[in-house]
Amino acid sequence: MRDSLRALDVVVLNGDIFDFRWSTLSDLKATRAAAFCWLLGLADDLPACEIHFVMGNHDCHADFEGTLTLLETQLPNFHWHDTWLQLGSALFVHGDCAHATMDAAGFNGYRSVWRHDRQRGALAAAAYGCADRLGATRLAHAWHFPRERTLRRVAHYLDEALPYWRATTRDCYFGHTHLPFARHEHEGVVYHNTGSAIRGMPFRPAFFTTESNYLTNIHDP
């Protein structure tokens, strides 16, 4: 997989790359250290590639922000973003804004729970993993995230949080729902969902072309 990434100019990690709630490691510190090493190794393997990390709900933990900032200061090709990233006419959001109909304040309230979440115990994590393997998680997501409803929720949040986004965006890329699709047009914007890399879930990385200049969220100076 990494060999194919070396041919790219830009890689966007669009959230939930790590999971601080359901980690199988001993504690938050160990998970944070493992995430740091993984990202460091990725940047080292792809020295000519610009890597953008957009936080998802499972890896937006407040303690992890310092780790990402440290990586950003050490690695010239690594950048992180709280909630969204725009590369030319391509807009990237994790997609948890589709969990319900939310404005910017509602989304911040939703994320605040995850930012200070605690790691679940080993038995709970094992049960969660079993649900994934048996397909229960996929069925739940299929029920909660029918495509048109999901796209309406994403668009509603973006209208509230980024009023100009429709004028600058041709393609919107997101995940979170575990239900991949590509090239679905909704109200003049083309949407793509990459699915999930969790074992037993469909995963379809998306390829895009873009200009070199980009806009980011408030995290960046």
Foldseek 3Di string as FASTA:
>chain_A
DLVVVLVDAEDEAQEPPDAQALDPDDFNVVSLVVVLVVVVVSCVSRVNHQYEYEYDLRPLAQVNVVSQVVVVVVRVRYYYADAWKFFFQEIGGAQCLLQDQDAPVRVVVVSVCSNHDGHDDPVVSVVVLVCLQVCVLLVVLCVRCPPVSSVVSVVNHCCRPPVCSLVGHAEYEYEDSLDFDFQDDDPRHGYTYQGDPRPPTHGHDDDDDGDPDIDGDPVPD
